Amino acid sequence: MSEPGRRAAGRLRVLMLAACLLGGGTGAGAQAPSAAPPLLLRAGTEQNLVIDASGDPRLPHLFSVEGDAAAPQRRSWAVSLNVALDGAAELDRRLVHELAQRQLAGQVLLEEFRPPRAPRCTELQVGSRVPVAVVQAVVRALLPLPQRWSVQIVEDDESGTGELQRVYIGGMVQRPCALAPPSKLRELAAPGLSLPELHRLLRTINGTARQHAAAARPLGGA
């Protein structure tokens, strides 16, 4: 091949390589489009939550939605939101955003519920097996709300309904509760918090550690 021909062939190869890099290419080496991230699974107030056994003793429950026509979608964690709360729609929007930011949307089922009566106080109830990232997504969504919150940790699951893998926002029953200072809620959202540190905060944030100790004393004790 003549020298001008070699130069022309070289320019053609460069142009073809540039086209592949810019347009994605169609050859064997071209990368396939990346898959869309999984969407947050949602159960509305008219839908029932389905709780299946996972076969994993560490996380024994999986959550899905009754009547979901798609391929079985199950999630390891559930966040239950009282939609009767003031600001619930904005809280929902922020929660979806926080979960997406942490790439947790594909692991969480968001359940909406509406109790027959508004609870006495606004409550955040955290299961002890819920990971820090999920709890902090919920807390960060709550922080801008004006109301103060009662914070509780659930450390046993006598009902067998996956309470240790769930977070409840808003409360479901009428009961007295202490309200946590906003500064304590911000502590729950601190970067680098470990799961044991999170549990320690949850136990002490409303003085529940003292309440548990008092409840454990025999009647008539000092």
C-alpha atoms as a PDB file:
ATOM      1  CA  MET A   1       0.000   0.000   0.000  1.00  0.00           C
ATOM      2  CA  SER A   2       1.289   3.457  -0.857  1.00  0.00           C
ATOM      3  CA  GLU A   3       2.164   5.964   1.846  1.00  0.00           C
ATOM      4  CA  PRO A   4      -0.927   8.157   1.142  1.00  0.00           C
ATOM      5  CA  GLY A   5      -3.075   5.000   1.300  1.00  0.00           C
ATOM      6  CA  ARG A   6      -1.615   3.980   4.670  1.00  0.00           C
ATOM      7  CA  ARG A   7      -2.283   7.455   6.050  1.00  0.00           C
ATOM      8  CA  ALA A   8      -5.886   7.371   4.800  1.00  0.00           C
ATOM      9  CA  ALA A   9      -6.470   3.931   6.338  1.00  0.00           C
ATOM     10  CA  GLY A  10      -5.024   5.143   9.654  1.00  0.00           C
ATOM     11  CA  ARG A  11      -7.360   8.164   9.679  1.00  0.00           C
ATOM     12  CA  LEU A  12     -10.326   5.868   8.967  1.00  0.00           C
ATOM     13  CA  ARG A  13      -9.443   3.616  11.916  1.00  0.00           C
ATOM     14  CA  VAL A  14      -9.192   6.658  14.203  1.00  0.00           C
ATOM     15  CA  LEU A  15     -12.579   7.933  13.037  1.00  0.00           C
ATOM     16  CA  MET A  16     -14.184   4.511  13.542  1.00  0.00           C
ATOM     17  CA  LEU A  17     -12.725   4.256  17.062  1.00  0.00           C
ATOM     18  CA  ALA A  18     -14.026   7.733  17.941  1.00  0.00           C
ATOM     19  CA  ALA A  19     -17.485   6.822  16.653  1.00  0.00           C
ATOM     20  CA  CYS A  20     -17.531   3.695  18.825  1.00  0.00           C
ATOM     21  CA  LEU A  21     -16.486   5.629  21.919  1.00  0.00           C
ATOM     22  CA  LEU A  22     -19.058   8.387  21.366  1.00  0.00           C
ATOM     23  CA  GLY A  23     -21.966   6.293  20.186  1.00  0.00           C
ATOM     24  CA  GLY A  24     -21.497   3.182  22.297  1.00  0.00           C
ATOM     25  CA  GLY A  25     -20.524   1.017  19.320  1.00  0.00           C
ATOM     26  CA  THR A  26     -22.243  -2.031  17.946  1.00  0.00           C
ATOM     27  CA  GLY A  27     -19.381  -4.533  17.991  1.00  0.00           C
ATOM     28  CA  ALA A  28     -18.671  -7.310  20.443  1.00  0.00           C
ATOM     29  CA  GLY A  29     -16.700  -4.957  22.688  1.00  0.00           C
ATOM     30  CA  ALA A  30     -19.529  -2.413  23.052  1.00  0.00           C
ATOM     31  CA  GLN A  31     -20.984  -2.123  26.549  1.00  0.00           C
ATOM     32  CA  ALA A  32     -24.654  -2.921  27.054  1.00  0.00           C
ATOM     33  CA  PRO A  33     -26.809  -0.146  28.552  1.00  0.00           C
ATOM     34  CA  SER A  34     -26.752  -0.262  32.337  1.00  0.00           C
ATOM     35  CA  ALA A  35     -29.888  -1.680  33.963  1.00  0.00           C
ATOM     36  CA  ALA A  36     -32.264   0.736  35.658  1.00  0.00           C
ATOM     37  CA  PRO A  37     -31.947   0.731  39.452  1.00  0.00           C
ATOM     38  CA  PRO A  38     -34.678  -1.280  41.237  1.00  0.00           C
ATOM     39  CA  LEU A  39     -37.707   0.717  42.276  1.00  0.00           C
ATOM     40  CA  LEU A  40     -38.991   1.072  45.815  1.00  0.00           C
ATOM     41  CA  LEU A  41     -41.734  -1.473  46.468  1.00  0.00           C
ATOM     42  CA  ARG A  42     -44.851   0.182  47.925  1.00  0.00           C
ATOM     43  CA  ALA A  43     -47.953  -1.131  49.715  1.00  0.00           C
ATOM     44  CA  GLY A  44     -50.856   1.347  49.843  1.00  0.00           C
ATOM     45  CA  THR A  45     -53.389   1.548  52.647  1.00  0.00           C
ATOM     46  CA  GLU A  46     -55.758  -0.762  50.720  1.00  0.00           C
ATOM     47  CA  GLN A  47     -53.120  -3.439  50.149  1.00  0.00           C
ATOM     48  CA  ASN A  48     -51.970  -6.158  52.507  1.00  0.00           C
ATOM     49  CA  LEU A  49     -48.378  -6.768  53.440  1.00  0.00           C
ATOM     50  CA  VAL A  50     -47.252 -10.376  52.882  1.00  0.00           C
ATOM     51  CA  ILE A  51     -44.576 -11.723  55.209  1.00  0.00           C
ATOM     52  CA  ASP A  52     -42.750 -14.863  54.076  1.00  0.00           C
ATOM     53  CA  ALA A  53     -40.049 -16.950  55.710  1.00  0.00           C
ATOM     54  CA  SER A  54     -36.638 -16.311  54.179  1.00  0.00           C
ATOM     55  CA  GLY A  55     -34.834 -19.422  55.430  1.00  0.00           C
ATOM     56  CA  ASP A  56     -32.103 -17.166  56.851  1.00  0.00           C
ATOM     57  CA  PRO A  57     -32.061 -17.184  60.671  1.00  0.00           C
ATOM     58  CA  ARG A  58     -30.338 -13.787  60.740  1.00  0.00           C
ATOM     59  CA  LEU A  59     -33.119 -12.131  58.694  1.00  0.00           C
ATOM     60  CA  PRO A  60     -35.983 -14.625  58.905  1.00  0.00           C
ATOM     61  CA  HIS A  61     -38.658 -12.508  57.178  1.00  0.00           C
ATOM     62  CA  LEU A  62     -39.217 -11.181  53.668  1.00  0.00           C
ATOM     63  CA  PHE A  63     -41.848  -8.566  52.812  1.00  0.00           C
ATOM     64  CA  SER A  64     -43.968  -8.306  49.657  1.00  0.00           C
ATOM     65  CA  VAL A  65     -47.357  -6.964  48.538  1.00  0.00           C
ATOM     66  CA  GLU A  66     -50.456  -9.131  48.201  1.00  0.00           C
ATOM     67  CA  GLY A  67     -51.677  -9.452  44.634  1.00  0.00           C
ATOM     68  CA  ASP A  68     -48.499  -8.133  43.023  1.00  0.00           C
ATOM     69  CA  ALA A  69     -48.806  -9.403  39.444  1.00  0.00           C
ATOM     70  CA  ALA A  70     -45.117  -8.921  38.684  1.00  0.00           C
ATOM     71  CA  ALA A  71     -42.464 -11.529  39.333  1.00  0.00           C
ATOM     72  CA  PRO A  72     -42.221 -12.098  43.093  1.00  0.00           C
ATOM     73  CA  GLN A  73     -40.707  -9.017  44.664  1.00  0.00           C
ATOM     74  CA  ARG A  74     -39.538  -9.406  48.222  1.00  0.00           C
ATOM     75  CA  ARG A  75     -37.661  -7.000  50.434  1.00  0.00           C
ATOM     76  CA  SER A  76     -35.570  -7.534  53.571  1.00  0.00           C
ATOM     77  CA  TRP A  77     -36.761  -4.368  55.316  1.00  0.00           C
ATOM     78  CA  ALA A  78     -40.109  -2.603  55.698  1.00  0.00           C
ATOM     79  CA  VAL A  79     -40.771   1.029  56.617  1.00  0.00           C
ATOM     80  CA  SER A  80     -44.373   1.642  57.712  1.00  0.00           C
ATOM     81  CA  LEU A  81     -45.612   5.239  57.461  1.00  0.00           C
ATOM     82  CA  ASN A  82     -48.743   6.633  59.120  1.00  0.00           C
ATOM     83  CA  VAL A  83     -50.240   8.637  56.242  1.00  0.00           C
ATOM     84  CA  ALA A  84     -52.516  10.537  58.655  1.00  0.00           C
ATOM     85  CA  LEU A  85     -49.516  12.426  60.076  1.00  0.00           C
ATOM     86  CA  ASP A  86     -49.242  16.134  59.403  1.00  0.00           C
ATOM     87  CA  GLY A  87     -46.710  16.495  56.607  1.00  0.00           C
ATOM     88  CA  ALA A  88     -46.890  12.789  55.659  1.00  0.00           C
ATOM     89  CA  ALA A  89     -46.794  13.468  51.902  1.00  0.00           C
ATOM     90  CA  GLU A  90     -43.628  15.573  52.175  1.00  0.00           C
ATOM     91  CA  LEU A  91     -42.108  13.039  54.568  1.00  0.00           C
ATOM     92  CA  ASP A  92     -42.849  10.283  52.039  1.00  0.00           C
ATOM     93  CA  ARG A  93     -41.138  12.276  49.267  1.00  0.00           C
ATOM     94  CA  ARG A  94     -38.027  12.889  51.367  1.00  0.00           C
ATOM     95  CA  LEU A  95     -37.888   9.270  52.509  1.00  0.00           C
ATOM     96  CA  VAL A  96     -37.969   7.977  48.925  1.00  0.00           C
ATOM     97  CA  HIS A  97     -35.181  10.424  48.059  1.00  0.00           C
ATOM     98  CA  GLU A  98     -33.030   9.423  51.061  1.00  0.00           C
ATOM     99  CA  LEU A  99     -33.389   5.707  50.288  1.00  0.00           C
ATOM    100  CA  ALA A 100     -32.496   6.291  46.636  1.00  0.00           C
ATOM    101  CA  GLN A 101     -29.435   8.341  47.636  1.00  0.00           C
ATOM    102  CA  ARG A 102     -28.177   5.373  49.670  1.00  0.00           C
ATOM    103  CA  GLN A 103     -29.065   2.863  46.915  1.00  0.00           C
ATOM    104  CA  LEU A 104     -31.506   1.151  49.282  1.00  0.00           C
ATOM    105  CA  ALA A 105     -34.692   1.405  47.201  1.00  0.00           C
ATOM    106  CA  GLY A 106     -34.349  -2.182  46.005  1.00  0.00           C
ATOM    107  CA  GLN A 107     -34.133  -3.506  49.573  1.00  0.00           C
ATOM    108  CA  VAL A 108     -37.025  -1.688  51.276  1.00  0.00           C
ATOM    109  CA  LEU A 109     -40.799  -2.002  51.120  1.00  0.00           C
ATOM    110  CA  LEU A 110     -42.644   1.204  52.024  1.00  0.00           C
ATOM    111  CA  GLU A 111     -45.971   0.405  53.664  1.00  0.00           C
ATOM    112  CA  GLU A 112     -48.677   3.042  54.184  1.00  0.00           C
ATOM    113  CA  PHE A 113     -51.083   2.662  57.108  1.00  0.00           C
ATOM    114  CA  ARG A 114     -53.863   4.743  58.650  1.00  0.00           C
ATOM    115  CA  PRO A 115     -54.871   3.868  62.233  1.00  0.00           C
ATOM    116  CA  PRO A 116     -58.489   4.470  63.330  1.00  0.00           C
ATOM    117  CA  ARG A 117     -57.360   7.154  65.793  1.00  0.00           C
ATOM    118  CA  ALA A 118     -54.381   9.466  65.773  1.00  0.00           C
ATOM    119  CA  PRO A 119     -51.827   8.258  68.358  1.00  0.00           C
ATOM    120  CA  ARG A 120     -51.110  10.402  71.405  1.00  0.00           C
ATOM    121  CA  CYS A 121     -47.604  11.201  70.196  1.00  0.00           C
ATOM    122  CA  THR A 122     -45.581  10.913  67.030  1.00  0.00           C
ATOM    123  CA  GLU A 123     -43.427   7.825  67.313  1.00  0.00           C
ATOM    124  CA  LEU A 124     -40.385   6.335  65.604  1.00  0.00           C
ATOM    125  CA  GLN A 125     -40.102   2.616  66.346  1.00  0.00           C
ATOM    126  CA  VAL A 126     -36.966   0.840  65.090  1.00  0.00           C
ATOM    127  CA  GLY A 127     -36.415  -2.910  64.869  1.00  0.00           C
ATOM    128  CA  SER A 128     -33.009  -3.997  66.143  1.00  0.00           C
ATOM    129  CA  ARG A 129     -32.060  -5.816  62.907  1.00  0.00           C
ATOM    130  CA  VAL A 130     -32.685  -2.829  60.636  1.00  0.00           C
ATOM    131  CA  PRO A 131     -29.313  -1.600  59.306  1.00  0.00           C
ATOM    132  CA  VAL A 132     -27.934   1.818  60.180  1.00  0.00           C
ATOM    133  CA  ALA A 133     -28.278   3.102  56.599  1.00  0.00           C
ATOM    134  CA  VAL A 134     -32.046   2.436  56.529  1.00  0.00           C
ATOM    135  CA  VAL A 135     -32.607   3.964  59.983  1.00  0.00           C
ATOM    136  CA  GLN A 136     -30.602   7.043  59.063  1.00  0.00           C
ATOM    137  CA  ALA A 137     -32.537   7.494  55.809  1.00  0.00           C
ATOM    138  CA  VAL A 138     -35.728   7.575  57.901  1.00  0.00           C
ATOM    139  CA  VAL A 139     -34.263   9.940  60.512  1.00  0.00           C
ATOM    140  CA  ARG A 140     -32.962  12.368  57.895  1.00  0.00           C
ATOM    141  CA  ALA A 141     -36.417  12.436  56.307  1.00  0.00           C
ATOM    142  CA  LEU A 142     -37.952  13.232  59.725  1.00  0.00           C
ATOM    143  CA  LEU A 143     -35.573  15.976  60.841  1.00  0.00           C
ATOM    144  CA  PRO A 144     -37.195  18.892  58.947  1.00  0.00           C
ATOM    145  CA  LEU A 145     -40.650  18.195  60.426  1.00  0.00           C
ATOM    146  CA  PRO A 146     -41.757  20.604  63.185  1.00  0.00           C
ATOM    147  CA  GLN A 147     -43.170  17.985  65.565  1.00  0.00           C
ATOM    148  CA  ARG A 148     -41.044  16.225  68.164  1.00  0.00           C
ATOM    149  CA  TRP A 149     -40.789  12.456  68.240  1.00  0.00           C
ATOM    150  CA  SER A 150     -40.807   9.587  70.674  1.00  0.00           C
ATOM    151  CA  VAL A 151     -38.123   7.046  69.787  1.00  0.00           C
ATOM    152  CA  GLN A 152     -38.232   3.350  70.652  1.00  0.00           C
ATOM    153  CA  ILE A 153     -36.213   0.237  69.807  1.00  0.00           C
ATOM    154  CA  VAL A 154     -37.788  -3.205  69.357  1.00  0.00           C
ATOM    155  CA  GLU A 155     -35.465  -6.016  70.425  1.00  0.00           C
ATOM    156  CA  ASP A 156     -37.752  -9.054  70.419  1.00  0.00           C
ATOM    157  CA  ASP A 157     -40.370 -10.312  67.994  1.00  0.00           C
ATOM    158  CA  GLU A 158     -42.863 -12.345  69.987  1.00  0.00           C
ATOM    159  CA  SER A 159     -45.536 -11.832  67.312  1.00  0.00           C
ATOM    160  CA  GLY A 160     -43.418 -13.371  64.545  1.00  0.00           C
ATOM    161  CA  THR A 161     -44.388 -10.565  62.160  1.00  0.00           C
ATOM    162  CA  GLY A 162     -40.926  -9.288  61.337  1.00  0.00           C
ATOM    163  CA  GLU A 163     -40.886  -6.424  63.833  1.00  0.00           C
ATOM    164  CA  LEU A 164     -37.095  -6.600  64.145  1.00  0.00           C
ATOM    165  CA  GLN A 165     -36.774  -5.864  60.408  1.00  0.00           C
ATOM    166  CA  ARG A 166     -39.235  -2.960  60.368  1.00  0.00           C
ATOM    167  CA  VAL A 167     -39.367   0.753  61.122  1.00  0.00           C
ATOM    168  CA  TYR A 168     -42.680   2.365  62.078  1.00  0.00           C
ATOM    169  CA  ILE A 169     -43.147   6.103  61.559  1.00  0.00           C
ATOM    170  CA  GLY A 170     -46.039   7.728  63.359  1.00  0.00           C
ATOM    171  CA  GLY A 171     -47.228   5.162  65.877  1.00  0.00           C
ATOM    172  CA  MET A 172     -50.182   2.794  65.817  1.00  0.00           C
ATOM    173  CA  VAL A 173     -51.526   2.651  69.376  1.00  0.00           C
ATOM    174  CA  GLN A 174     -52.480   5.047  72.139  1.00  0.00           C
ATOM    175  CA  ARG A 175     -49.829   5.063  74.849  1.00  0.00           C
ATOM    176  CA  PRO A 176     -47.914   7.660  76.874  1.00  0.00           C
ATOM    177  CA  CYS A 177     -44.465   8.488  75.595  1.00  0.00           C
ATOM    178  CA  ALA A 178     -41.603  10.870  76.228  1.00  0.00           C
ATOM    179  CA  LEU A 179     -40.543  13.199  73.422  1.00  0.00           C
ATOM    180  CA  ALA A 180     -36.934  13.182  72.300  1.00  0.00           C
ATOM    181  CA  PRO A 181     -35.078  16.509  71.972  1.00  0.00           C
ATOM    182  CA  PRO A 182     -34.227  17.404  68.338  1.00  0.00           C
ATOM    183  CA  SER A 183     -30.526  17.235  69.196  1.00  0.00           C
ATOM    184  CA  LYS A 184     -30.923  13.534  70.041  1.00  0.00           C
ATOM    185  CA  LEU A 185     -32.562  12.838  66.696  1.00  0.00           C
ATOM    186  CA  ARG A 186     -29.614  14.505  64.979  1.00  0.00           C
ATOM    187  CA  GLU A 187     -27.275  12.154  66.874  1.00  0.00           C
ATOM    188  CA  LEU A 188     -29.042   9.221  65.224  1.00  0.00           C
ATOM    189  CA  ALA A 189     -28.122  10.668  61.816  1.00  0.00           C
ATOM    190  CA  ALA A 190     -24.411  11.157  62.635  1.00  0.00           C
ATOM    191  CA  PRO A 191     -22.017   9.832  59.948  1.00  0.00           C
ATOM    192  CA  GLY A 192     -20.049   6.700  60.797  1.00  0.00           C
ATOM    193  CA  LEU A 193     -22.473   5.445  63.452  1.00  0.00           C
ATOM    194  CA  SER A 194     -22.133   1.704  64.056  1.00  0.00           C
ATOM    195  CA  LEU A 195     -25.114  -0.571  64.734  1.00  0.00           C
ATOM    196  CA  PRO A 196     -24.207  -1.054  68.452  1.00  0.00           C
ATOM    197  CA  GLU A 197     -23.850   2.732  68.822  1.00  0.00           C
ATOM    198  CA  LEU A 198     -27.211   3.250  67.147  1.00  0.00           C
ATOM    199  CA  HIS A 199     -28.837   0.753  69.522  1.00  0.00           C
ATOM    200  CA  ARG A 200     -27.266   2.451  72.543  1.00  0.00           C
ATOM    201  CA  LEU A 201     -28.696   5.798  71.436  1.00  0.00           C
ATOM    202  CA  LEU A 202     -32.119   4.297  70.773  1.00  0.00           C
ATOM    203  CA  ARG A 203     -32.200   2.702  74.239  1.00  0.00           C
ATOM    204  CA  THR A 204     -31.245   5.882  76.080  1.00  0.00           C
ATOM    205  CA  ILE A 205     -32.739   8.641  73.933  1.00  0.00           C
ATOM    206  CA  ASN A 206     -36.050   8.655  75.848  1.00  0.00           C
ATOM    207  CA  GLY A 207     -34.712   7.126  79.042  1.00  0.00           C
ATOM    208  CA  THR A 208     -36.054   3.727  77.997  1.00  0.00           C
ATOM    209  CA  ALA A 209     -33.025   1.974  79.526  1.00  0.00           C
ATOM    210  CA  ARG A 210     -34.089   3.286  82.960  1.00  0.00           C
ATOM    211  CA  GLN A 211     -37.709   2.324  82.261  1.00  0.00           C
ATOM    212  CA  HIS A 212     -36.664  -1.244  81.401  1.00  0.00           C
ATOM    213  CA  ALA A 213     -34.598  -1.478  84.577  1.00  0.00           C
ATOM    214  CA  ALA A 214     -37.520  -0.214  86.674  1.00  0.00           C
ATOM    215  CA  ALA A 215     -39.912  -2.667  85.052  1.00  0.00           C
ATOM    216  CA  ALA A 216     -37.523  -5.539  85.811  1.00  0.00           C
ATOM    217  CA  ARG A 217     -37.463  -4.829  89.579  1.00  0.00           C
ATOM    218  CA  PRO A 218     -39.637  -7.147  91.726  1.00  0.00           C
ATOM    219  CA  LEU A 219     -42.656  -5.544  93.343  1.00  0.00           C
ATOM    220  CA  GLY A 220     -41.751  -3.892  96.633  1.00  0.00           C
ATOM    221  CA  GLY A 221     -38.081  -3.625  95.633  1.00  0.00           C
ATOM    222  CA  ALA A 222     -35.987  -0.577  96.410  1.00  0.00           C
END
